[in-house]
Amino acid sequence: MDKIGDTFDGIISAVTSFGFFVELADIYVEGLVHISNLGQDYFHFDPTSHRLLGERTNTVYRLGDSVAVRVARVDLDEKKIDFELLKKQVSIKKAEAVTITGKPKKNRKRKPKSG
C-alpha cells in the first residue's frame, strides 16, 4: 500500500483480452495494466502472437516487451495490484523488423559509390 504512486520498470508477462500483466524487475511482483488505461484506441487481442494491437495507432503490446508503470491501486484482501502504463520501451531486433501487418520490411539496396 505504501508503494502507490511509485514507478517501476517491468516486463509484460501475460497478455489477455482485457489488458496485460507486468512483472516488475528485481521485485517479482505482478500486476495488471487494464485495457481501458491504454488510451483512446481500440485494441484487438491476438492470442496466437500473445499481443494487443491498436486499431487506430498500430501500437503493439506483446509478451516480453519492456514497460514502465506506476502503481495505481493495491487490494491486499484480493491480492491484486493495478498499474498505469507510463511508457513502452521499444527495442526492435533486426530479425524482428516487421511492420504491424506482419509483412517484412523491404531492404533497400544501396548503389555502390562510383569512384
PDB file of N, CA and C in Angstrom:
ATOM      1  N   MET A   1       0.823  -1.203   0.000  1.00  0.00           N
ATOM      2  CA  MET A   1       0.000   0.000   0.000  1.00  0.00           C
ATOM      3  C   MET A   1       0.867   1.266   0.000  1.00  0.00           C
ATOM      4  N   ASP A   2       2.065   1.192   0.605  1.00  0.00           N
ATOM      5  CA  ASP A   2       2.919   2.375   0.674  1.00  0.00           C
ATOM      6  C   ASP A   2       3.629   2.654  -0.642  1.00  0.00           C
ATOM      7  N   LYS A   3       3.454   1.804  -1.647  1.00  0.00           N
ATOM      8  CA  LYS A   3       4.091   1.979  -2.958  1.00  0.00           C
ATOM      9  C   LYS A   3       3.167   2.640  -3.983  1.00  0.00           C
ATOM     10  N   ILE A   4       1.935   2.974  -3.619  1.00  0.00           N
ATOM     11  CA  ILE A   4       1.013   3.608  -4.562  1.00  0.00           C
ATOM     12  C   ILE A   4       1.616   4.928  -5.033  1.00  0.00           C
ATOM     13  N   GLY A   5       1.658   5.097  -6.357  1.00  0.00           N
ATOM     14  CA  GLY A   5       2.256   6.284  -6.961  1.00  0.00           C
ATOM     15  C   GLY A   5       3.699   6.091  -7.376  1.00  0.00           C
ATOM     16  N   ASP A   6       4.345   5.046  -6.882  1.00  0.00           N
ATOM     17  CA  ASP A   6       5.740   4.772  -7.250  1.00  0.00           C
ATOM     18  C   ASP A   6       5.811   4.198  -8.665  1.00  0.00           C
ATOM     19  N   THR A   7       6.920   4.435  -9.342  1.00  0.00           N
ATOM     20  CA  THR A   7       7.103   3.935 -10.707  1.00  0.00           C
ATOM     21  C   THR A   7       8.171   2.847 -10.731  1.00  0.00           C
ATOM     22  N   PHE A   8       7.972   1.903 -11.651  1.00  0.00           N
ATOM     23  CA  PHE A   8       8.875   0.760 -11.766  1.00  0.00           C
ATOM     24  C   PHE A   8       9.019   0.366 -13.228  1.00  0.00           C
ATOM     25  N   ASP A   9      10.130  -0.289 -13.544  1.00  0.00           N
ATOM     26  CA  ASP A   9      10.314  -0.922 -14.849  1.00  0.00           C
ATOM     27  C   ASP A   9       9.890  -2.369 -14.718  1.00  0.00           C
ATOM     28  N   GLY A  10       9.354  -2.905 -15.829  1.00  0.00           N
ATOM     29  CA  GLY A  10       8.928  -4.298 -15.794  1.00  0.00           C
ATOM     30  C   GLY A  10       8.847  -4.883 -17.188  1.00  0.00           C
ATOM     31  N   ILE A  11       8.436  -6.140 -17.231  1.00  0.00           N
ATOM     32  CA  ILE A  11       8.309  -6.901 -18.472  1.00  0.00           C
ATOM     33  C   ILE A  11       6.872  -7.419 -18.564  1.00  0.00           C
ATOM     34  N   ILE A  12       6.275  -7.330 -19.761  1.00  0.00           N
ATOM     35  CA  ILE A  12       4.941  -7.901 -19.953  1.00  0.00           C
ATOM     36  C   ILE A  12       5.057  -9.414 -19.851  1.00  0.00           C
ATOM     37  N   SER A  13       4.365  -9.992 -18.853  1.00  0.00           N
ATOM     38  CA  SER A  13       4.472 -11.421 -18.576  1.00  0.00           C
ATOM     39  C   SER A  13       3.279 -12.224 -19.078  1.00  0.00           C
ATOM     40  N   ALA A  14       2.172 -11.556 -19.400  1.00  0.00           N
ATOM     41  CA  ALA A  14       0.991 -12.227 -19.949  1.00  0.00           C
ATOM     42  C   ALA A  14       0.125 -11.182 -20.639  1.00  0.00           C
ATOM     43  N   VAL A  15      -0.510 -11.585 -21.745  1.00  0.00           N
ATOM     44  CA  VAL A  15      -1.394 -10.692 -22.488  1.00  0.00           C
ATOM     45  C   VAL A  15      -2.764 -11.355 -22.558  1.00  0.00           C
ATOM     46  N   THR A  16      -3.810 -10.585 -22.245  1.00  0.00           N
ATOM     47  CA  THR A  16      -5.174 -11.100 -22.264  1.00  0.00           C
ATOM     48  C   THR A  16      -6.054 -10.152 -23.069  1.00  0.00           C
ATOM     49  N   SER A  17      -7.310 -10.514 -23.238  1.00  0.00           N
ATOM     50  CA  SER A  17      -8.241  -9.656 -23.969  1.00  0.00           C
ATOM     51  C   SER A  17      -8.600  -8.402 -23.175  1.00  0.00           C
ATOM     52  N   PHE A  18      -8.353  -8.387 -21.868  1.00  0.00           N
ATOM     53  CA  PHE A  18      -8.708  -7.244 -21.028  1.00  0.00           C
ATOM     54  C   PHE A  18      -7.501  -6.428 -20.582  1.00  0.00           C
ATOM     55  N   GLY A  19      -6.310  -6.721 -21.106  1.00  0.00           N
ATOM     56  CA  GLY A  19      -5.107  -5.977 -20.748  1.00  0.00           C
ATOM     57  C   GLY A  19      -3.903  -6.888 -20.723  1.00  0.00           C
ATOM     58  N   PHE A  20      -2.886  -6.466 -19.979  1.00  0.00           N
ATOM     59  CA  PHE A  20      -1.701  -7.313 -19.852  1.00  0.00           C
ATOM     60  C   PHE A  20      -1.129  -7.209 -18.445  1.00  0.00           C
ATOM     61  N   PHE A  21      -0.445  -8.277 -18.055  1.00  0.00           N
ATOM     62  CA  PHE A  21       0.189  -8.336 -16.753  1.00  0.00           C
ATOM     63  C   PHE A  21       1.659  -7.978 -16.898  1.00  0.00           C
ATOM     64  N   VAL A  22       2.166  -7.244 -15.914  1.00  0.00           N
ATOM     65  CA  VAL A  22       3.556  -6.795 -15.906  1.00  0.00           C
ATOM     66  C   VAL A  22       4.233  -7.328 -14.653  1.00  0.00           C
ATOM     67  N   GLU A  23       5.385  -7.967 -14.854  1.00  0.00           N
ATOM     68  CA  GLU A  23       6.208  -8.396 -13.727  1.00  0.00           C
ATOM     69  C   GLU A  23       7.298  -7.357 -13.527  1.00  0.00           C
ATOM     70  N   LEU A  24       7.365  -6.820 -12.324  1.00  0.00           N
ATOM     71  CA  LEU A  24       8.341  -5.770 -12.027  1.00  0.00           C
ATOM     72  C   LEU A  24       9.746  -6.351 -11.963  1.00  0.00           C
ATOM     73  N   ALA A  25      10.696  -5.584 -12.462  1.00  0.00           N
ATOM     74  CA  ALA A  25      12.094  -6.017 -12.484  1.00  0.00           C
ATOM     75  C   ALA A  25      12.642  -6.089 -11.062  1.00  0.00           C
ATOM     76  N   ASP A  26      13.318  -7.170 -10.746  1.00  0.00           N
ATOM     77  CA  ASP A  26      14.017  -7.395  -9.483  1.00  0.00           C
ATOM     78  C   ASP A  26      13.110  -7.502  -8.254  1.00  0.00           C
ATOM     79  N   ILE A  27      11.793  -7.372  -8.421  1.00  0.00           N
ATOM     80  CA  ILE A  27      10.892  -7.459  -7.272  1.00  0.00           C
ATOM     81  C   ILE A  27      10.023  -8.707  -7.364  1.00  0.00           C
ATOM     82  N   TYR A  28       9.772  -9.179  -8.581  1.00  0.00           N
ATOM     83  CA  TYR A  28       8.969 -10.378  -8.837  1.00  0.00           C
ATOM     84  C   TYR A  28       7.539 -10.239  -8.324  1.00  0.00           C
ATOM     85  N   VAL A  29       6.997  -9.037  -8.520  1.00  0.00           N
ATOM     86  CA  VAL A  29       5.603  -8.752  -8.218  1.00  0.00           C
ATOM     87  C   VAL A  29       4.910  -8.517  -9.548  1.00  0.00           C
ATOM     88  N   GLU A  30       3.693  -9.035  -9.680  1.00  0.00           N
ATOM     89  CA  GLU A  30       2.979  -8.912 -10.942  1.00  0.00           C
ATOM     90  C   GLU A  30       1.674  -8.154 -10.719  1.00  0.00           C
ATOM     91  N   GLY A  31       1.330  -7.307 -11.700  1.00  0.00           N
ATOM     92  CA  GLY A  31       0.090  -6.550 -11.631  1.00  0.00           C
ATOM     93  C   GLY A  31      -0.480  -6.354 -13.017  1.00  0.00           C
ATOM     94  N   LEU A  32      -1.689  -5.814 -13.088  1.00  0.00           N
ATOM     95  CA  LEU A  32      -2.430  -5.671 -14.331  1.00  0.00           C
ATOM     96  C   LEU A  32      -2.439  -4.230 -14.831  1.00  0.00           C
ATOM     97  N   VAL A  33      -2.198  -4.065 -16.124  1.00  0.00           N
ATOM     98  CA  VAL A  33      -2.488  -2.807 -16.827  1.00  0.00           C
ATOM     99  C   VAL A  33      -3.755  -3.091 -17.609  1.00  0.00           C
ATOM    100  N   HIS A  34      -4.878  -2.506 -17.172  1.00  0.00           N
ATOM    101  CA  HIS A  34      -6.161  -2.774 -17.816  1.00  0.00           C
ATOM    102  C   HIS A  34      -6.216  -2.084 -19.172  1.00  0.00           C
ATOM    103  N   ILE A  35      -6.916  -2.716 -20.103  1.00  0.00           N
ATOM    104  CA  ILE A  35      -7.011  -2.209 -21.470  1.00  0.00           C
ATOM    105  C   ILE A  35      -7.620  -0.806 -21.525  1.00  0.00           C
ATOM    106  N   SER A  36      -8.459  -0.467 -20.562  1.00  0.00           N
ATOM    107  CA  SER A  36      -9.073   0.867 -20.515  1.00  0.00           C
ATOM    108  C   SER A  36      -8.062   1.963 -20.179  1.00  0.00           C
ATOM    109  N   ASN A  37      -6.882   1.574 -19.695  1.00  0.00           N
ATOM    110  CA  ASN A  37      -5.826   2.535 -19.363  1.00  0.00           C
ATOM    111  C   ASN A  37      -4.793   2.690 -20.473  1.00  0.00           C
ATOM    112  N   LEU A  38      -5.093   2.190 -21.671  1.00  0.00           N
ATOM    113  CA  LEU A  38      -4.121   2.238 -22.770  1.00  0.00           C
ATOM    114  C   LEU A  38      -4.406   3.359 -23.768  1.00  0.00           C
ATOM    115  N   GLY A  39      -5.263   4.284 -23.418  1.00  0.00           N
ATOM    116  CA  GLY A  39      -5.514   5.422 -24.295  1.00  0.00           C
ATOM    117  C   GLY A  39      -6.770   5.260 -25.123  1.00  0.00           C
ATOM    118  N   GLN A  40      -6.964   6.216 -26.024  1.00  0.00           N
ATOM    119  CA  GLN A  40      -8.171   6.285 -26.829  1.00  0.00           C
ATOM    120  C   GLN A  40      -8.036   5.469 -28.108  1.00  0.00           C
ATOM    121  N   ASP A  41      -7.858   4.188 -27.977  1.00  0.00           N
ATOM    122  CA  ASP A  41      -7.718   3.297 -29.125  1.00  0.00           C
ATOM    123  C   ASP A  41      -8.494   2.026 -28.834  1.00  0.00           C
ATOM    124  N   TYR A  42      -8.832   1.303 -29.885  1.00  0.00           N
ATOM    125  CA  TYR A  42      -9.477   0.008 -29.726  1.00  0.00           C
ATOM    126  C   TYR A  42      -8.429  -1.061 -29.981  1.00  0.00           C
ATOM    127  N   PHE A  43      -8.217  -1.935 -28.988  1.00  0.00           N
ATOM    128  CA  PHE A  43      -7.171  -2.937 -29.088  1.00  0.00           C
ATOM    129  C   PHE A  43      -7.755  -4.307 -29.407  1.00  0.00           C
ATOM    130  N   HIS A  44      -7.157  -4.962 -30.397  1.00  0.00           N
ATOM    131  CA  HIS A  44      -7.527  -6.323 -30.771  1.00  0.00           C
ATOM    132  C   HIS A  44      -6.559  -7.272 -30.078  1.00  0.00           C
ATOM    133  N   PHE A  45      -7.112  -8.326 -29.467  1.00  0.00           N
ATOM    134  CA  PHE A  45      -6.308  -9.335 -28.799  1.00  0.00           C
ATOM    135  C   PHE A  45      -5.974 -10.441 -29.792  1.00  0.00           C
ATOM    136  N   ASP A  46      -4.680 -10.729 -29.945  1.00  0.00           N
ATOM    137  CA  ASP A  46      -4.207 -11.803 -30.815  1.00  0.00           C
ATOM    138  C   ASP A  46      -3.609 -12.884 -29.917  1.00  0.00           C
ATOM    139  N   PRO A  47      -4.406 -13.937 -29.607  1.00  0.00           N
ATOM    140  CA  PRO A  47      -3.917 -14.958 -28.678  1.00  0.00           C
ATOM    141  C   PRO A  47      -2.770 -15.796 -29.235  1.00  0.00           C
ATOM    142  N   THR A  48      -2.684 -15.911 -30.540  1.00  0.00           N
ATOM    143  CA  THR A  48      -1.613 -16.700 -31.151  1.00  0.00           C
ATOM    144  C   THR A  48      -0.257 -16.031 -30.964  1.00  0.00           C
ATOM    145  N   SER A  49      -0.230 -14.721 -31.157  1.00  0.00           N
ATOM    146  CA  SER A  49       1.017 -13.957 -31.031  1.00  0.00           C
ATOM    147  C   SER A  49       1.209 -13.357 -29.641  1.00  0.00           C
ATOM    148  N   HIS A  50       0.256 -13.565 -28.745  1.00  0.00           N
ATOM    149  CA  HIS A  50       0.317 -13.004 -27.390  1.00  0.00           C
ATOM    150  C   HIS A  50       0.537 -11.498 -27.443  1.00  0.00           C
ATOM    151  N   ARG A  51      -0.386 -10.794 -28.124  1.00  0.00           N
ATOM    152  CA  ARG A  51      -0.230  -9.345 -28.243  1.00  0.00           C
ATOM    153  C   ARG A  51      -1.572  -8.639 -28.320  1.00  0.00           C
ATOM    154  N   LEU A  52      -1.549  -7.349 -28.006  1.00  0.00           N
ATOM    155  CA  LEU A  52      -2.664  -6.447 -28.214  1.00  0.00           C
ATOM    156  C   LEU A  52      -2.240  -5.473 -29.297  1.00  0.00           C
ATOM    157  N   LEU A  53      -3.104  -5.264 -30.288  1.00  0.00           N
ATOM    158  CA  LEU A  53      -2.783  -4.401 -31.421  1.00  0.00           C
ATOM    159  C   LEU A  53      -3.800  -3.277 -31.496  1.00  0.00           C
ATOM    160  N   GLY A  54      -3.320  -2.028 -31.438  1.00  0.00           N
ATOM    161  CA  GLY A  54      -4.189  -0.861 -31.516  1.00  0.00           C
ATOM    162  C   GLY A  54      -4.683  -0.650 -32.933  1.00  0.00           C
ATOM    163  N   GLU A  55      -5.997  -0.537 -33.076  1.00  0.00           N
ATOM    164  CA  GLU A  55      -6.607  -0.402 -34.403  1.00  0.00           C
ATOM    165  C   GLU A  55      -6.243   0.919 -35.069  1.00  0.00           C
ATOM    166  N   ARG A  56      -6.275   1.992 -34.325  1.00  0.00           N
ATOM    167  CA  ARG A  56      -6.035   3.318 -34.899  1.00  0.00           C
ATOM    168  C   ARG A  56      -4.559   3.703 -34.896  1.00  0.00           C
ATOM    169  N   THR A  57      -3.869   3.392 -33.811  1.00  0.00           N
ATOM    170  CA  THR A  57      -2.485   3.852 -33.648  1.00  0.00           C
ATOM    171  C   THR A  57      -1.445   2.812 -34.052  1.00  0.00           C
ATOM    172  N   ASN A  58      -1.873   1.566 -34.271  1.00  0.00           N
ATOM    173  CA  ASN A  58      -0.956   0.450 -34.564  1.00  0.00           C
ATOM    174  C   ASN A  58       0.030   0.181 -33.427  1.00  0.00           C
ATOM    175  N   THR A  59      -0.302   0.629 -32.233  1.00  0.00           N
ATOM    176  CA  THR A  59       0.529   0.345 -31.071  1.00  0.00           C
ATOM    177  C   THR A  59       0.404  -1.134 -30.725  1.00  0.00           C
ATOM    178  N   VAL A  60       1.532  -1.770 -30.427  1.00  0.00           N
ATOM    179  CA  VAL A  60       1.540  -3.189 -30.115  1.00  0.00           C
ATOM    180  C   VAL A  60       2.114  -3.393 -28.716  1.00  0.00           C
ATOM    181  N   TYR A  61       1.405  -4.178 -27.913  1.00  0.00           N
ATOM    182  CA  TYR A  61       1.900  -4.620 -26.617  1.00  0.00           C
ATOM    183  C   TYR A  61       1.957  -6.138 -26.689  1.00  0.00           C
ATOM    184  N   ARG A  62       3.160  -6.699 -26.504  1.00  0.00           N
ATOM    185  CA  ARG A  62       3.285  -8.145 -26.627  1.00  0.00           C
ATOM    186  C   ARG A  62       4.135  -8.722 -25.507  1.00  0.00           C
ATOM    187  N   LEU A  63       4.010  -9.999 -25.362  1.00  0.00           N
ATOM    188  CA  LEU A  63       4.720 -10.744 -24.342  1.00  0.00           C
ATOM    189  C   LEU A  63       6.221 -10.463 -24.430  1.00  0.00           C
ATOM    190  N   GLY A  64       6.825 -10.088 -23.304  1.00  0.00           N
ATOM    191  CA  GLY A  64       8.263  -9.836 -23.263  1.00  0.00           C
ATOM    192  C   GLY A  64       8.670  -8.390 -23.464  1.00  0.00           C
ATOM    193  N   ASP A  65       7.718  -7.507 -23.827  1.00  0.00           N
ATOM    194  CA  ASP A  65       8.048  -6.088 -24.005  1.00  0.00           C
ATOM    195  C   ASP A  65       8.411  -5.448 -22.667  1.00  0.00           C
ATOM    196  N   SER A  66       9.352  -4.516 -22.707  1.00  0.00           N
ATOM    197  CA  SER A  66       9.720  -3.741 -21.524  1.00  0.00           C
ATOM    198  C   SER A  66       8.812  -2.528 -21.419  1.00  0.00           C
ATOM    199  N   VAL A  67       8.332  -2.255 -20.210  1.00  0.00           N
ATOM    200  CA  VAL A  67       7.446  -1.122 -19.975  1.00  0.00           C
ATOM    201  C   VAL A  67       7.801  -0.463 -18.652  1.00  0.00           C
ATOM    202  N   ALA A  68       7.357   0.767 -18.504  1.00  0.00           N
ATOM    203  CA  ALA A  68       7.456   1.472 -17.227  1.00  0.00           C
ATOM    204  C   ALA A  68       6.033   1.694 -16.731  1.00  0.00           C
ATOM    205  N   VAL A  69       5.794   1.411 -15.455  1.00  0.00           N
ATOM    206  CA  VAL A  69       4.450   1.502 -14.894  1.00  0.00           C
ATOM    207  C   VAL A  69       4.469   2.250 -13.562  1.00  0.00           C
ATOM    208  N   ARG A  70       3.275   2.732 -13.184  1.00  0.00           N
ATOM    209  CA  ARG A  70       3.066   3.370 -11.884  1.00  0.00           C
ATOM    210  C   ARG A  70       2.034   2.534 -11.133  1.00  0.00           C
ATOM    211  N   VAL A  71       2.253   2.324  -9.846  1.00  0.00           N
ATOM    212  CA  VAL A  71       1.292   1.584  -9.030  1.00  0.00           C
ATOM    213  C   VAL A  71       0.074   2.483  -8.820  1.00  0.00           C
ATOM    214  N   ALA A  72      -1.090   2.009  -9.291  1.00  0.00           N
ATOM    215  CA  ALA A  72      -2.317   2.802  -9.206  1.00  0.00           C
ATOM    216  C   ALA A  72      -3.208   2.370  -8.044  1.00  0.00           C
ATOM    217  N   ARG A  73      -3.290   1.060  -7.813  1.00  0.00           N
ATOM    218  CA  ARG A  73      -4.194   0.552  -6.786  1.00  0.00           C
ATOM    219  C   ARG A  73      -3.669  -0.774  -6.254  1.00  0.00           C
ATOM    220  N   VAL A  74      -3.842  -0.984  -4.962  1.00  0.00           N
ATOM    221  CA  VAL A  74      -3.442  -2.238  -4.326  1.00  0.00           C
ATOM    222  C   VAL A  74      -4.611  -2.724  -3.483  1.00  0.00           C
ATOM    223  N   ASP A  75      -5.000  -3.982  -3.689  1.00  0.00           N
ATOM    224  CA  ASP A  75      -6.053  -4.602  -2.891  1.00  0.00           C
ATOM    225  C   ASP A  75      -5.441  -5.799  -2.171  1.00  0.00           C
ATOM    226  N   LEU A  76      -5.129  -5.623  -0.895  1.00  0.00           N
ATOM    227  CA  LEU A  76      -4.460  -6.678  -0.133  1.00  0.00           C
ATOM    228  C   LEU A  76      -5.378  -7.871   0.115  1.00  0.00           C
ATOM    229  N   ASP A  77      -6.668  -7.629   0.282  1.00  0.00           N
ATOM    230  CA  ASP A  77      -7.601  -8.726   0.529  1.00  0.00           C
ATOM    231  C   ASP A  77      -7.683  -9.661  -0.673  1.00  0.00           C
ATOM    232  N   GLU A  78      -7.744  -9.093  -1.882  1.00  0.00           N
ATOM    233  CA  GLU A  78      -7.837  -9.910  -3.094  1.00  0.00           C
ATOM    234  C   GLU A  78      -6.473 -10.195  -3.711  1.00  0.00           C
ATOM    235  N   LYS A  79      -5.430  -9.632  -3.125  1.00  0.00           N
ATOM    236  CA  LYS A  79      -4.054  -9.801  -3.606  1.00  0.00           C
ATOM    237  C   LYS A  79      -3.930  -9.376  -5.065  1.00  0.00           C
ATOM    238  N   LYS A  80      -4.410  -8.155  -5.360  1.00  0.00           N
ATOM    239  CA  LYS A  80      -4.362  -7.621  -6.714  1.00  0.00           C
ATOM    240  C   LYS A  80      -3.673  -6.267  -6.723  1.00  0.00           C
ATOM    241  N   ILE A  81      -2.896  -6.040  -7.795  1.00  0.00           N
ATOM    242  CA  ILE A  81      -2.227  -4.756  -8.000  1.00  0.00           C
ATOM    243  C   ILE A  81      -2.594  -4.262  -9.393  1.00  0.00           C
ATOM    244  N   ASP A  82      -3.005  -3.000  -9.472  1.00  0.00           N
ATOM    245  CA  ASP A  82      -3.293  -2.378 -10.764  1.00  0.00           C
ATOM    246  C   ASP A  82      -2.207  -1.354 -11.065  1.00  0.00           C
ATOM    247  N   PHE A  83      -1.741  -1.382 -12.316  1.00  0.00           N
ATOM    248  CA  PHE A  83      -0.720  -0.453 -12.771  1.00  0.00           C
ATOM    249  C   PHE A  83      -1.297   0.489 -13.818  1.00  0.00           C
ATOM    250  N   GLU A  84      -0.668   1.660 -13.943  1.00  0.00           N
ATOM    251  CA  GLU A  84      -0.909   2.577 -15.056  1.00  0.00           C
ATOM    252  C   GLU A  84       0.346   2.548 -15.914  1.00  0.00           C
ATOM    253  N   LEU A  85       0.163   2.454 -17.220  1.00  0.00           N
ATOM    254  CA  LEU A  85       1.298   2.425 -18.134  1.00  0.00           C
ATOM    255  C   LEU A  85       1.877   3.823 -18.267  1.00  0.00           C
ATOM    256  N   LEU A  86       3.177   3.950 -18.091  1.00  0.00           N
ATOM    257  CA  LEU A  86       3.855   5.230 -18.292  1.00  0.00           C
ATOM    258  C   LEU A  86       4.447   5.298 -19.686  1.00  0.00           C
ATOM    259  N   LYS A  87       5.201   4.268 -20.069  1.00  0.00           N
ATOM    260  CA  LYS A  87       5.781   4.243 -21.410  1.00  0.00           C
ATOM    261  C   LYS A  87       6.208   2.831 -21.766  1.00  0.00           C
ATOM    262  N   LYS A  88       6.254   2.604 -23.052  1.00  0.00           N
ATOM    263  CA  LYS A  88       6.748   1.341 -23.577  1.00  0.00           C
ATOM    264  C   LYS A  88       8.148   1.596 -24.080  1.00  0.00           C
ATOM    265  N   GLN A  89       9.091   0.772 -23.668  1.00  0.00           N
ATOM    266  CA  GLN A  89      10.472   0.927 -24.086  1.00  0.00           C
ATOM    267  C   GLN A  89      10.689   0.058 -25.314  1.00  0.00           C
ATOM    268  N   VAL A  90      10.864   0.698 -26.449  1.00  0.00           N
ATOM    269  CA  VAL A  90      10.945  -0.012 -27.722  1.00  0.00           C
ATOM    270  C   VAL A  90      12.362  -0.484 -27.967  1.00  0.00           C
ATOM    271  N   SER A  91      12.483  -1.757 -28.295  1.00  0.00           N
ATOM    272  CA  SER A  91      13.769  -2.309 -28.715  1.00  0.00           C
ATOM    273  C   SER A  91      13.477  -3.369 -29.759  1.00  0.00           C
ATOM    274  N   ILE A  92      13.695  -3.032 -31.006  1.00  0.00           N
ATOM    275  CA  ILE A  92      13.411  -3.954 -32.094  1.00  0.00           C
ATOM    276  C   ILE A  92      14.719  -4.548 -32.581  1.00  0.00           C
ATOM    277  N   LYS A  93      14.793  -5.863 -32.565  1.00  0.00           N
ATOM    278  CA  LYS A  93      15.959  -6.551 -33.094  1.00  0.00           C
ATOM    279  C   LYS A  93      15.846  -6.595 -34.609  1.00  0.00           C
ATOM    280  N   LYS A  94      16.972  -6.709 -35.271  1.00  0.00           N
ATOM    281  CA  LYS A  94      16.979  -6.732 -36.728  1.00  0.00           C
ATOM    282  C   LYS A  94      16.108  -7.859 -37.272  1.00  0.00           C
ATOM    283  N   ALA A  95      16.130  -9.009 -36.641  1.00  0.00           N
ATOM    284  CA  ALA A  95      15.345 -10.159 -37.110  1.00  0.00           C
ATOM    285  C   ALA A  95      13.852  -9.935 -36.912  1.00  0.00           C
ATOM    286  N   GLU A  96      13.475  -9.028 -35.993  1.00  0.00           N
ATOM    287  CA  GLU A  96      12.074  -8.774 -35.716  1.00  0.00           C
ATOM    288  C   GLU A  96      11.549  -7.553 -36.463  1.00  0.00           C
ATOM    289  N   ALA A  97      12.314  -6.987 -37.362  1.00  0.00           N
ATOM    290  CA  ALA A  97      11.922  -5.756 -38.048  1.00  0.00           C
ATOM    291  C   ALA A  97      10.842  -6.050 -39.088  1.00  0.00           C
ATOM    292  N   VAL A  98       9.607  -6.092 -38.607  1.00  0.00           N
ATOM    293  CA  VAL A  98       8.460  -6.287 -39.489  1.00  0.00           C
ATOM    294  C   VAL A  98       7.456  -5.191 -39.205  1.00  0.00           C
ATOM    295  N   THR A  99       6.619  -4.925 -40.168  1.00  0.00           N
ATOM    296  CA  THR A  99       5.595  -3.916 -39.960  1.00  0.00           C
ATOM    297  C   THR A  99       4.475  -4.513 -39.119  1.00  0.00           C
ATOM    298  N   ILE A 100       3.555  -3.689 -38.713  1.00  0.00           N
ATOM    299  CA  ILE A 100       2.449  -4.129 -37.880  1.00  0.00           C
ATOM    300  C   ILE A 100       1.587  -5.154 -38.611  1.00  0.00           C
ATOM    301  N   THR A 101       1.521  -5.080 -39.923  1.00  0.00           N
ATOM    302  CA  THR A 101       0.692  -6.006 -40.687  1.00  0.00           C
ATOM    303  C   THR A 101       1.337  -7.377 -40.794  1.00  0.00           C
ATOM    304  N   GLY A 102       2.561  -7.520 -40.336  1.00  0.00           N
ATOM    305  CA  GLY A 102       3.236  -8.810 -40.380  1.00  0.00           C
ATOM    306  C   GLY A 102       4.036  -9.020 -41.653  1.00  0.00           C
ATOM    307  N   LYS A 103       4.004  -8.048 -42.560  1.00  0.00           N
ATOM    308  CA  LYS A 103       4.768  -8.169 -43.798  1.00  0.00           C
ATOM    309  C   LYS A 103       6.195  -7.709 -43.548  1.00  0.00           C
ATOM    310  N   PRO A 104       7.168  -8.408 -44.066  1.00  0.00           N
ATOM    311  CA  PRO A 104       8.559  -7.987 -43.861  1.00  0.00           C
ATOM    312  C   PRO A 104       8.834  -6.633 -44.504  1.00  0.00           C
ATOM    313  N   LYS A 105       9.676  -5.865 -43.854  1.00  0.00           N
ATOM    314  CA  LYS A 105      10.093  -4.602 -44.452  1.00  0.00           C
ATOM    315  C   LYS A 105      11.011  -4.873 -45.624  1.00  0.00           C
ATOM    316  N   LYS A 106      10.910  -4.041 -46.627  1.00  0.00           N
ATOM    317  CA  LYS A 106      11.752  -4.214 -47.801  1.00  0.00           C
ATOM    318  C   LYS A 106      13.139  -3.664 -47.514  1.00  0.00           C
ATOM    319  N   ASN A 107      14.142  -4.423 -47.882  1.00  0.00           N
ATOM    320  CA  ASN A 107      15.518  -3.963 -47.751  1.00  0.00           C
ATOM    321  C   ASN A 107      15.872  -3.173 -48.998  1.00  0.00           C
ATOM    322  N   ARG A 108      16.308  -1.984 -48.790  1.00  0.00           N
ATOM    323  CA  ARG A 108      16.708  -1.156 -49.929  1.00  0.00           C
ATOM    324  C   ARG A 108      18.190  -1.353 -50.178  1.00  0.00           C
ATOM    325  N   LYS A 109      18.516  -1.695 -51.389  1.00  0.00           N
ATOM    326  CA  LYS A 109      19.920  -1.877 -51.746  1.00  0.00           C
ATOM    327  C   LYS A 109      20.508  -0.531 -52.119  1.00  0.00           C
ATOM    328  N   ARG A 110      21.656  -0.277 -51.590  1.00  0.00           N
ATOM    329  CA  ARG A 110      22.336   0.968 -51.917  1.00  0.00           C
ATOM    330  C   ARG A 110      23.175   0.776 -53.157  1.00  0.00           C
ATOM    331  N   LYS A 111      23.228   1.822 -53.948  1.00  0.00           N
ATOM    332  CA  LYS A 111      24.065   1.776 -55.143  1.00  0.00           C
ATOM    333  C   LYS A 111      25.509   1.979 -54.710  1.00  0.00           C
ATOM    334  N   PRO A 112      26.424   1.209 -55.279  1.00  0.00           N
ATOM    335  CA  PRO A 112      27.841   1.381 -54.935  1.00  0.00           C
ATOM    336  C   PRO A 112      28.320   2.757 -55.407  1.00  0.00           C
ATOM    337  N   LYS A 113      29.200   3.327 -54.630  1.00  0.00           N
ATOM    338  CA  LYS A 113      29.760   4.626 -54.997  1.00  0.00           C
ATOM    339  C   LYS A 113      30.707   4.426 -56.176  1.00  0.00           C
ATOM    340  N   SER A 114      30.545   5.308 -57.145  1.00  0.00           N
ATOM    341  CA  SER A 114      31.457   5.238 -58.280  1.00  0.00           C
ATOM    342  C   SER A 114      32.653   6.141 -57.998  1.00  0.00           C
ATOM    343  N   GLY A 115      33.777   5.647 -58.353  1.00  0.00           N
ATOM    344  CA  GLY A 115      34.940   6.284 -57.917  1.00  0.00           C
ATOM    345  C   GLY A 115      35.752   7.133 -58.678  1.00  0.00           C
TER     346      GLY A 115
END
